[in-house]
């Protein structure tokens, strides 16, 4: 079960935004997770109004993009929808001679989306493994329901996305010898969460994943159960906070070495009541 940290509804729109104040004397660069881009953009806008002389430039591109920027020193803060990998920490240590600081800034429920005409209402984690993994044996909707047939059109994120990594690790699982299973071939991998939802809205046979905050009235999400004997749970603020939803995850911001006083102040503000209100709004 997760702790009592604030719940973060996963990302909303794909479009990254760079905010610059020509009168600011100090700029803070935030880059990374598309799940977090709308929240980080909203933070940047509010912080610019609150704190004179500091401009926060927020953009997306994927968790891997933000972490790569932290490795090469081109960003001050990397946002990520997955935990930083040991090899990435080692790269920062080798390239910059500093350690990484991790901040958990919320929780997210990763939702499974289908077209509104799809009669399926829930799926179990073992069934998802049989659909998405490299040794999958479920490829048609007719194997899951009598109300729909045709190939299951799988839609996900690109491999630089933390959402991609998290979903693969949890849903595909490991082989008998302990190795990570990969996704099956033929999945349509898109650069942004909004693109995932939009493509599902146009495809009656589609099944895709992305953050719960991207739901529109043109798609529907599924309940997810941990196994065939457990009841399905839908994504929600409460089920993400408590960990009742099987695809709930932590969300992070990372800094390298000792950040400047301005960066420390900004991170502290994101965790304040005002910063967390923006999380709830988004």
C-alpha atoms as a PDB file:
ATOM      1  CA  UNK A   1       0.000   0.000   0.000  1.00  0.00           C
ATOM      2  CA  UNK A   2       1.229   3.449  -0.812  1.00  0.00           C
ATOM      3  CA  UNK A   3       1.673   6.160   1.807  1.00  0.00           C
ATOM      4  CA  UNK A   4      -0.304   9.308   2.239  1.00  0.00           C
ATOM      5  CA  UNK A   5       1.526  11.391  -0.331  1.00  0.00           C
ATOM      6  CA  UNK A   6      -0.699  13.447  -2.593  1.00  0.00           C
ATOM      7  CA  UNK A   7      -2.211  11.739  -5.572  1.00  0.00           C
ATOM      8  CA  UNK A   8      -1.148  12.932  -8.955  1.00  0.00           C
ATOM      9  CA  UNK A   9      -3.600  12.386 -11.787  1.00  0.00           C
ATOM     10  CA  UNK A  10      -1.382  11.382 -14.639  1.00  0.00           C
ATOM     11  CA  UNK A  11      -0.456  13.894 -17.269  1.00  0.00           C
ATOM     12  CA  UNK A  12      -3.193  15.544 -19.380  1.00  0.00           C
ATOM     13  CA  UNK A  13      -2.091  16.912 -22.770  1.00  0.00           C
ATOM     14  CA  UNK A  14       1.003  16.060 -24.798  1.00  0.00           C
ATOM     15  CA  UNK A  15       1.998  19.510 -25.955  1.00  0.00           C
ATOM     16  CA  UNK A  16       5.127  20.674 -24.143  1.00  0.00           C
ATOM     17  CA  UNK A  17       5.378  24.284 -23.130  1.00  0.00           C
ATOM     18  CA  UNK A  18       8.436  26.451 -22.571  1.00  0.00           C
ATOM     19  CA  UNK A  19       7.936  29.495 -20.411  1.00  0.00           C
ATOM     20  CA  UNK A  20      10.439  32.314 -20.519  1.00  0.00           C
ATOM     21  CA  UNK A  21      10.388  35.640 -18.763  1.00  0.00           C
ATOM     22  CA  UNK A  22      12.737  38.096 -20.445  1.00  0.00           C
ATOM     23  CA  UNK A  23      12.986  40.077 -17.200  1.00  0.00           C
ATOM     24  CA  UNK A  24      13.965  37.077 -15.081  1.00  0.00           C
ATOM     25  CA  UNK A  25      17.528  36.893 -13.857  1.00  0.00           C
ATOM     26  CA  UNK A  26      17.420  33.170 -13.067  1.00  0.00           C
ATOM     27  CA  UNK A  27      16.007  30.312 -15.181  1.00  0.00           C
ATOM     28  CA  UNK A  28      15.152  26.804 -13.945  1.00  0.00           C
ATOM     29  CA  UNK A  29      14.867  24.119 -16.630  1.00  0.00           C
ATOM     30  CA  UNK A  30      12.436  21.241 -15.990  1.00  0.00           C
ATOM     31  CA  UNK A  31      12.168  18.457 -18.562  1.00  0.00           C
ATOM     32  CA  UNK A  32      10.925  14.888 -18.729  1.00  0.00           C
ATOM     33  CA  UNK A  33       7.764  12.883 -18.232  1.00  0.00           C
ATOM     34  CA  UNK A  34       4.792  13.579 -20.491  1.00  0.00           C
ATOM     35  CA  UNK A  35       2.660  12.257 -17.646  1.00  0.00           C
ATOM     36  CA  UNK A  36       3.845  15.230 -15.606  1.00  0.00           C
ATOM     37  CA  UNK A  37       4.112  17.884 -18.304  1.00  0.00           C
ATOM     38  CA  UNK A  38       0.773  19.571 -17.664  1.00  0.00           C
ATOM     39  CA  UNK A  39       1.395  19.694 -13.932  1.00  0.00           C
ATOM     40  CA  UNK A  40       4.943  20.988 -14.341  1.00  0.00           C
ATOM     41  CA  UNK A  41       3.731  23.592 -16.838  1.00  0.00           C
ATOM     42  CA  UNK A  42       1.035  24.735 -14.419  1.00  0.00           C
ATOM     43  CA  UNK A  43       3.617  24.884 -11.639  1.00  0.00           C
ATOM     44  CA  UNK A  44       5.875  26.993 -13.862  1.00  0.00           C
ATOM     45  CA  UNK A  45       3.111  29.453 -14.691  1.00  0.00           C
ATOM     46  CA  UNK A  46       2.062  29.906 -11.060  1.00  0.00           C
ATOM     47  CA  UNK A  47       5.637  30.131  -9.777  1.00  0.00           C
ATOM     48  CA  UNK A  48       6.491  32.834 -12.294  1.00  0.00           C
ATOM     49  CA  UNK A  49       3.631  34.910 -10.894  1.00  0.00           C
ATOM     50  CA  UNK A  50       4.612  34.214  -7.296  1.00  0.00           C
ATOM     51  CA  UNK A  51       8.380  34.668  -7.415  1.00  0.00           C
ATOM     52  CA  UNK A  52       9.912  37.641  -9.177  1.00  0.00           C
ATOM     53  CA  UNK A  53      13.186  37.143 -11.028  1.00  0.00           C
ATOM     54  CA  UNK A  54      12.814  33.359 -11.536  1.00  0.00           C
ATOM     55  CA  UNK A  55      11.477  31.751 -14.730  1.00  0.00           C
ATOM     56  CA  UNK A  56      10.742  28.015 -14.755  1.00  0.00           C
ATOM     57  CA  UNK A  57      10.911  26.517 -18.265  1.00  0.00           C
ATOM     58  CA  UNK A  58       8.868  23.280 -18.326  1.00  0.00           C
ATOM     59  CA  UNK A  59       8.708  20.724 -21.145  1.00  0.00           C
ATOM     60  CA  UNK A  60       8.062  17.021 -21.755  1.00  0.00           C
ATOM     61  CA  UNK A  61       9.567  14.493 -24.141  1.00  0.00           C
ATOM     62  CA  UNK A  62       9.526  11.450 -21.868  1.00  0.00           C
ATOM     63  CA  UNK A  63      11.167  10.414 -18.599  1.00  0.00           C
ATOM     64  CA  UNK A  64      14.262   9.174 -20.429  1.00  0.00           C
ATOM     65  CA  UNK A  65      14.680  12.547 -22.136  1.00  0.00           C
ATOM     66  CA  UNK A  66      14.596  14.397 -18.826  1.00  0.00           C
ATOM     67  CA  UNK A  67      17.037  12.002 -17.197  1.00  0.00           C
ATOM     68  CA  UNK A  68      19.389  12.278 -20.195  1.00  0.00           C
ATOM     69  CA  UNK A  69      19.326  16.050 -19.693  1.00  0.00           C
ATOM     70  CA  UNK A  70      20.264  15.544 -16.062  1.00  0.00           C
ATOM     71  CA  UNK A  71      23.172  13.340 -17.160  1.00  0.00           C
ATOM     72  CA  UNK A  72      24.575  15.962 -19.525  1.00  0.00           C
ATOM     73  CA  UNK A  73      23.758  18.910 -17.270  1.00  0.00           C
ATOM     74  CA  UNK A  74      21.268  20.638 -19.575  1.00  0.00           C
ATOM     75  CA  UNK A  75      18.360  20.458 -17.113  1.00  0.00           C
ATOM     76  CA  UNK A  76      18.044  21.411 -13.474  1.00  0.00           C
ATOM     77  CA  UNK A  77      15.128  19.086 -12.683  1.00  0.00           C
ATOM     78  CA  UNK A  78      14.139  15.844 -14.424  1.00  0.00           C
ATOM     79  CA  UNK A  79      10.552  14.685 -14.045  1.00  0.00           C
ATOM     80  CA  UNK A  80       9.915  10.938 -14.307  1.00  0.00           C
ATOM     81  CA  UNK A  81       7.001   8.536 -14.172  1.00  0.00           C
ATOM     82  CA  UNK A  82       9.366   5.718 -13.205  1.00  0.00           C
ATOM     83  CA  UNK A  83      12.206   5.277 -10.775  1.00  0.00           C
ATOM     84  CA  UNK A  84      15.626   6.196 -12.126  1.00  0.00           C
ATOM     85  CA  UNK A  85      17.606   3.120 -13.181  1.00  0.00           C
ATOM     86  CA  UNK A  86      20.904   2.189 -11.445  1.00  0.00           C
ATOM     87  CA  UNK A  87      22.813   2.635 -14.704  1.00  0.00           C
ATOM     88  CA  UNK A  88      21.411   6.160 -15.099  1.00  0.00           C
ATOM     89  CA  UNK A  89      22.527   7.052 -11.577  1.00  0.00           C
ATOM     90  CA  UNK A  90      25.946   5.628 -12.434  1.00  0.00           C
ATOM     91  CA  UNK A  91      26.118   7.741 -15.602  1.00  0.00           C
ATOM     92  CA  UNK A  92      25.453  10.918 -13.624  1.00  0.00           C
ATOM     93  CA  UNK A  93      28.067   9.907 -11.065  1.00  0.00           C
ATOM     94  CA  UNK A  94      30.620   9.216 -13.813  1.00  0.00           C
ATOM     95  CA  UNK A  95      29.851  12.251 -15.990  1.00  0.00           C
ATOM     96  CA  UNK A  96      29.224  14.868 -13.329  1.00  0.00           C
ATOM     97  CA  UNK A  97      30.817  13.457 -10.192  1.00  0.00           C
ATOM     98  CA  UNK A  98      27.664  13.909  -8.104  1.00  0.00           C
ATOM     99  CA  UNK A  99      24.856  11.809  -6.649  1.00  0.00           C
ATOM    100  CA  UNK A 100      21.177  12.005  -7.528  1.00  0.00           C
ATOM    101  CA  UNK A 101      18.482  13.268  -5.174  1.00  0.00           C
ATOM    102  CA  UNK A 102      15.006  11.762  -5.571  1.00  0.00           C
ATOM    103  CA  UNK A 103      11.716  13.413  -4.603  1.00  0.00           C
ATOM    104  CA  UNK A 104       8.390  11.538  -4.738  1.00  0.00           C
ATOM    105  CA  UNK A 105       5.871  14.179  -5.743  1.00  0.00           C
ATOM    106  CA  UNK A 106       2.713  12.109  -6.152  1.00  0.00           C
ATOM    107  CA  UNK A 107       1.011   8.950  -7.359  1.00  0.00           C
ATOM    108  CA  UNK A 108      -0.616   8.066 -10.650  1.00  0.00           C
ATOM    109  CA  UNK A 109      -3.062   5.421 -11.876  1.00  0.00           C
ATOM    110  CA  UNK A 110      -2.132   4.071 -15.303  1.00  0.00           C
ATOM    111  CA  UNK A 111      -5.387   3.321 -17.125  1.00  0.00           C
ATOM    112  CA  UNK A 112      -6.329   0.811 -19.838  1.00  0.00           C
ATOM    113  CA  UNK A 113      -8.432   2.573 -22.477  1.00  0.00           C
ATOM    114  CA  UNK A 114     -10.841   1.177 -25.067  1.00  0.00           C
ATOM    115  CA  UNK A 115     -13.323   2.583 -27.576  1.00  0.00           C
ATOM    116  CA  UNK A 116     -16.761   3.322 -26.020  1.00  0.00           C
ATOM    117  CA  UNK A 117     -18.346   0.660 -28.267  1.00  0.00           C
ATOM    118  CA  UNK A 118     -16.152  -2.076 -26.766  1.00  0.00           C
ATOM    119  CA  UNK A 119     -18.242  -4.347 -24.470  1.00  0.00           C
ATOM    120  CA  UNK A 120     -15.286  -5.436 -22.291  1.00  0.00           C
ATOM    121  CA  UNK A 121     -15.426  -3.797 -18.843  1.00  0.00           C
ATOM    122  CA  UNK A 122     -12.394  -5.259 -17.047  1.00  0.00           C
ATOM    123  CA  UNK A 123      -9.265  -7.360 -17.480  1.00  0.00           C
ATOM    124  CA  UNK A 124      -6.939  -9.110 -15.049  1.00  0.00           C
ATOM    125  CA  UNK A 125      -3.187  -8.647 -14.881  1.00  0.00           C
ATOM    126  CA  UNK A 126      -2.576 -12.252 -16.042  1.00  0.00           C
ATOM    127  CA  UNK A 127      -4.848 -11.634 -19.038  1.00  0.00           C
ATOM    128  CA  UNK A 128      -2.999  -8.415 -19.856  1.00  0.00           C
ATOM    129  CA  UNK A 129       0.251 -10.399 -19.822  1.00  0.00           C
ATOM    130  CA  UNK A 130      -1.256 -12.816 -22.340  1.00  0.00           C
ATOM    131  CA  UNK A 131      -2.205  -9.857 -24.553  1.00  0.00           C
ATOM    132  CA  UNK A 132       0.878  -7.613 -24.380  1.00  0.00           C
ATOM    133  CA  UNK A 133       3.949  -9.768 -23.707  1.00  0.00           C
ATOM    134  CA  UNK A 134       6.357 -11.305 -26.208  1.00  0.00           C
ATOM    135  CA  UNK A 135       4.862 -14.782 -25.671  1.00  0.00           C
ATOM    136  CA  UNK A 136       1.254 -13.564 -25.811  1.00  0.00           C
ATOM    137  CA  UNK A 137      -1.450 -16.033 -26.831  1.00  0.00           C
ATOM    138  CA  UNK A 138      -4.456 -13.669 -26.886  1.00  0.00           C
ATOM    139  CA  UNK A 139      -4.647 -11.646 -30.096  1.00  0.00           C
ATOM    140  CA  UNK A 140      -8.369 -11.271 -30.833  1.00  0.00           C
ATOM    141  CA  UNK A 141     -11.249  -9.705 -28.937  1.00  0.00           C
ATOM    142  CA  UNK A 142     -13.287 -12.859 -29.568  1.00  0.00           C
ATOM    143  CA  UNK A 143     -11.029 -14.666 -27.078  1.00  0.00           C
ATOM    144  CA  UNK A 144     -12.259 -12.286 -24.365  1.00  0.00           C
ATOM    145  CA  UNK A 145     -15.894 -11.531 -25.209  1.00  0.00           C
ATOM    146  CA  UNK A 146     -18.723 -12.738 -27.408  1.00  0.00           C
ATOM    147  CA  UNK A 147     -19.730  -9.153 -28.152  1.00  0.00           C
ATOM    148  CA  UNK A 148     -16.761  -8.179 -30.315  1.00  0.00           C
ATOM    149  CA  UNK A 149     -14.290  -9.868 -32.623  1.00  0.00           C
ATOM    150  CA  UNK A 150     -11.328  -8.782 -34.681  1.00  0.00           C
ATOM    151  CA  UNK A 151      -7.641  -8.293 -33.876  1.00  0.00           C
ATOM    152  CA  UNK A 152      -6.764  -6.448 -30.660  1.00  0.00           C
ATOM    153  CA  UNK A 153      -5.028  -3.276 -31.863  1.00  0.00           C
ATOM    154  CA  UNK A 154      -2.446  -2.450 -29.202  1.00  0.00           C
ATOM    155  CA  UNK A 155      -1.424   1.174 -28.639  1.00  0.00           C
ATOM    156  CA  UNK A 156       1.229   2.399 -26.198  1.00  0.00           C
ATOM    157  CA  UNK A 157       4.021   4.865 -25.598  1.00  0.00           C
ATOM    158  CA  UNK A 158       7.493   5.184 -27.096  1.00  0.00           C
ATOM    159  CA  UNK A 159      10.390   3.416 -25.393  1.00  0.00           C
ATOM    160  CA  UNK A 160      11.880   6.617 -23.920  1.00  0.00           C
ATOM    161  CA  UNK A 161       8.744   6.997 -21.819  1.00  0.00           C
ATOM    162  CA  UNK A 162       8.647   6.055 -18.147  1.00  0.00           C
ATOM    163  CA  UNK A 163       5.045   4.973 -18.747  1.00  0.00           C
ATOM    164  CA  UNK A 164       6.335   2.453 -21.316  1.00  0.00           C
ATOM    165  CA  UNK A 165       8.884   1.067 -18.842  1.00  0.00           C
ATOM    166  CA  UNK A 166       6.419   0.820 -15.977  1.00  0.00           C
ATOM    167  CA  UNK A 167       3.693  -0.886 -17.999  1.00  0.00           C
ATOM    168  CA  UNK A 168       6.157  -3.357 -19.539  1.00  0.00           C
ATOM    169  CA  UNK A 169       7.673  -4.252 -16.160  1.00  0.00           C
ATOM    170  CA  UNK A 170       4.337  -4.774 -14.387  1.00  0.00           C
ATOM    171  CA  UNK A 171       2.257  -6.288 -17.194  1.00  0.00           C
ATOM    172  CA  UNK A 172       4.831  -8.322 -19.113  1.00  0.00           C
ATOM    173  CA  UNK A 173       6.559  -9.506 -15.946  1.00  0.00           C
ATOM    174  CA  UNK A 174       9.472 -11.926 -15.948  1.00  0.00           C
ATOM    175  CA  UNK A 175      10.240 -15.250 -17.551  1.00  0.00           C
ATOM    176  CA  UNK A 176      10.790 -18.460 -15.550  1.00  0.00           C
ATOM    177  CA  UNK A 177      14.531 -17.718 -15.425  1.00  0.00           C
ATOM    178  CA  UNK A 178      13.975 -14.202 -14.051  1.00  0.00           C
ATOM    179  CA  UNK A 179      14.522 -12.160 -17.215  1.00  0.00           C
ATOM    180  CA  UNK A 180      12.249  -9.239 -18.083  1.00  0.00           C
ATOM    181  CA  UNK A 181       9.724 -10.087 -20.767  1.00  0.00           C
ATOM    182  CA  UNK A 182       9.515  -7.631 -23.635  1.00  0.00           C
ATOM    183  CA  UNK A 183       6.412  -6.392 -25.421  1.00  0.00           C
ATOM    184  CA  UNK A 184       5.113  -8.395 -28.361  1.00  0.00           C
ATOM    185  CA  UNK A 185       5.810  -7.111 -31.869  1.00  0.00           C
ATOM    186  CA  UNK A 186       3.313  -4.950 -33.689  1.00  0.00           C
ATOM    187  CA  UNK A 187       2.369  -2.497 -30.927  1.00  0.00           C
ATOM    188  CA  UNK A 188       1.804   1.058 -32.149  1.00  0.00           C
ATOM    189  CA  UNK A 189       4.153   3.183 -29.985  1.00  0.00           C
ATOM    190  CA  UNK A 190       3.252   6.871 -29.865  1.00  0.00           C
ATOM    191  CA  UNK A 191       5.183   9.868 -28.560  1.00  0.00           C
ATOM    192  CA  UNK A 192       2.522  11.316 -26.305  1.00  0.00           C
ATOM    193  CA  UNK A 193      -0.350  10.322 -24.041  1.00  0.00           C
ATOM    194  CA  UNK A 194      -2.863  12.511 -25.866  1.00  0.00           C
ATOM    195  CA  UNK A 195      -1.991  10.727 -29.105  1.00  0.00           C
ATOM    196  CA  UNK A 196      -2.684   7.367 -27.455  1.00  0.00           C
ATOM    197  CA  UNK A 197      -6.172   8.434 -26.353  1.00  0.00           C
ATOM    198  CA  UNK A 198      -6.992  10.073 -29.682  1.00  0.00           C
ATOM    199  CA  UNK A 199      -6.005   6.981 -31.643  1.00  0.00           C
ATOM    200  CA  UNK A 200      -8.109   4.735 -29.396  1.00  0.00           C
ATOM    201  CA  UNK A 201     -11.081   7.087 -29.864  1.00  0.00           C
ATOM    202  CA  UNK A 202     -10.899   6.440 -33.613  1.00  0.00           C
ATOM    203  CA  UNK A 203     -10.318   2.670 -33.448  1.00  0.00           C
ATOM    204  CA  UNK A 204     -13.099   0.337 -32.274  1.00  0.00           C
ATOM    205  CA  UNK A 205     -10.684  -2.587 -31.829  1.00  0.00           C
ATOM    206  CA  UNK A 206      -8.014  -0.655 -29.930  1.00  0.00           C
ATOM    207  CA  UNK A 207      -6.617  -1.283 -26.447  1.00  0.00           C
ATOM    208  CA  UNK A 208      -4.075   1.162 -25.047  1.00  0.00           C
ATOM    209  CA  UNK A 209      -2.525   2.476 -21.848  1.00  0.00           C
ATOM    210  CA  UNK A 210      -1.679   5.879 -20.444  1.00  0.00           C
ATOM    211  CA  UNK A 211      -2.366   8.027 -17.384  1.00  0.00           C
ATOM    212  CA  UNK A 212      -5.870   8.313 -15.970  1.00  0.00           C
ATOM    213  CA  UNK A 213      -5.866  12.074 -16.383  1.00  0.00           C
ATOM    214  CA  UNK A 214      -6.080  11.725 -20.160  1.00  0.00           C
ATOM    215  CA  UNK A 215      -9.602  10.269 -20.237  1.00  0.00           C
ATOM    216  CA  UNK A 216     -12.085  12.037 -22.504  1.00  0.00           C
ATOM    217  CA  UNK A 217     -15.718  11.329 -23.366  1.00  0.00           C
ATOM    218  CA  UNK A 218     -14.476   9.664 -26.558  1.00  0.00           C
ATOM    219  CA  UNK A 219     -12.831   6.727 -24.730  1.00  0.00           C
ATOM    220  CA  UNK A 220     -13.591   4.470 -21.776  1.00  0.00           C
ATOM    221  CA  UNK A 221     -11.268   2.891 -19.250  1.00  0.00           C
ATOM    222  CA  UNK A 222     -11.337  -0.666 -17.876  1.00  0.00           C
ATOM    223  CA  UNK A 223     -11.281  -2.033 -14.366  1.00  0.00           C
ATOM    224  CA  UNK A 224      -8.167  -4.077 -13.600  1.00  0.00           C
ATOM    225  CA  UNK A 225      -7.931  -7.022 -11.200  1.00  0.00           C
ATOM    226  CA  UNK A 226      -4.749  -8.519  -9.759  1.00  0.00           C
ATOM    227  CA  UNK A 227      -5.803 -12.066 -10.697  1.00  0.00           C
ATOM    228  CA  UNK A 228      -8.823 -13.988 -11.943  1.00  0.00           C
ATOM    229  CA  UNK A 229     -10.219 -14.389  -8.413  1.00  0.00           C
ATOM    230  CA  UNK A 230      -9.966 -10.701  -7.394  1.00  0.00           C
ATOM    231  CA  UNK A 231     -12.562  -8.017  -8.087  1.00  0.00           C
ATOM    232  CA  UNK A 232     -11.644  -5.398 -10.715  1.00  0.00           C
ATOM    233  CA  UNK A 233     -10.724  -1.916  -9.488  1.00  0.00           C
ATOM    234  CA  UNK A 234     -11.111   1.229 -11.576  1.00  0.00           C
ATOM    235  CA  UNK A 235      -8.517   4.021 -11.638  1.00  0.00           C
ATOM    236  CA  UNK A 236      -9.339   6.780  -9.153  1.00  0.00           C
ATOM    237  CA  UNK A 237      -7.704   9.220  -6.773  1.00  0.00           C
ATOM    238  CA  UNK A 238      -8.406   6.954  -3.825  1.00  0.00           C
ATOM    239  CA  UNK A 239      -7.402   3.665  -5.481  1.00  0.00           C
ATOM    240  CA  UNK A 240      -4.111   5.222  -6.607  1.00  0.00           C
ATOM    241  CA  UNK A 241      -3.387   6.690  -3.178  1.00  0.00           C
ATOM    242  CA  UNK A 242      -4.044   3.425  -1.341  1.00  0.00           C
ATOM    243  CA  UNK A 243      -2.497   1.132  -3.938  1.00  0.00           C
ATOM    244  CA  UNK A 244      -5.776  -0.781  -4.406  1.00  0.00           C
ATOM    245  CA  UNK A 245      -5.539  -0.195  -8.141  1.00  0.00           C
ATOM    246  CA  UNK A 246      -3.018  -2.695  -9.595  1.00  0.00           C
ATOM    247  CA  UNK A 247      -1.387  -0.190 -11.975  1.00  0.00           C
ATOM    248  CA  UNK A 248      -0.705   2.642  -9.510  1.00  0.00           C
ATOM    249  CA  UNK A 249       2.809   4.092  -9.474  1.00  0.00           C
ATOM    250  CA  UNK A 250       4.951   6.747  -7.876  1.00  0.00           C
ATOM    251  CA  UNK A 251       5.967   9.892  -9.756  1.00  0.00           C
ATOM    252  CA  UNK A 252       9.313  11.602  -9.251  1.00  0.00           C
ATOM    253  CA  UNK A 253      11.449  14.659  -9.728  1.00  0.00           C
ATOM    254  CA  UNK A 254      15.242  14.265  -9.726  1.00  0.00           C
ATOM    255  CA  UNK A 255      18.145  16.637  -9.230  1.00  0.00           C
ATOM    256  CA  UNK A 256      21.882  16.011  -9.497  1.00  0.00           C
ATOM    257  CA  UNK A 257      24.333  17.137  -6.862  1.00  0.00           C
ATOM    258  CA  UNK A 258      23.585  20.098  -4.643  1.00  0.00           C
ATOM    259  CA  UNK A 259      20.913  22.150  -6.457  1.00  0.00           C
ATOM    260  CA  UNK A 260      20.929  25.918  -6.311  1.00  0.00           C
ATOM    261  CA  UNK A 261      18.928  27.707  -3.642  1.00  0.00           C
ATOM    262  CA  UNK A 262      16.383  28.678  -6.318  1.00  0.00           C
ATOM    263  CA  UNK A 263      15.901  25.062  -7.436  1.00  0.00           C
ATOM    264  CA  UNK A 264      15.550  23.898  -3.821  1.00  0.00           C
ATOM    265  CA  UNK A 265      12.977  26.613  -3.187  1.00  0.00           C
ATOM    266  CA  UNK A 266      10.989  25.629  -6.280  1.00  0.00           C
ATOM    267  CA  UNK A 267      10.900  21.930  -5.333  1.00  0.00           C
ATOM    268  CA  UNK A 268       9.845  22.812  -1.786  1.00  0.00           C
ATOM    269  CA  UNK A 269       7.056  24.956  -3.229  1.00  0.00           C
ATOM    270  CA  UNK A 270       5.783  22.090  -5.449  1.00  0.00           C
ATOM    271  CA  UNK A 271       5.369  20.015  -2.285  1.00  0.00           C
ATOM    272  CA  UNK A 272       3.629  22.842  -0.431  1.00  0.00           C
ATOM    273  CA  UNK A 273      -0.132  23.180  -0.079  1.00  0.00           C
ATOM    274  CA  UNK A 274      -0.259  25.531  -3.079  1.00  0.00           C
ATOM    275  CA  UNK A 275       1.853  23.265  -5.279  1.00  0.00           C
ATOM    276  CA  UNK A 276      -0.203  20.221  -4.358  1.00  0.00           C
ATOM    277  CA  UNK A 277      -3.457  22.078  -5.069  1.00  0.00           C
ATOM    278  CA  UNK A 278      -2.215  22.416  -8.642  1.00  0.00           C
ATOM    279  CA  UNK A 279      -1.631  18.637  -8.690  1.00  0.00           C
ATOM    280  CA  UNK A 280      -5.234  18.106  -7.620  1.00  0.00           C
ATOM    281  CA  UNK A 281      -6.552  20.624 -10.175  1.00  0.00           C
ATOM    282  CA  UNK A 282      -4.645  18.973 -13.028  1.00  0.00           C
END
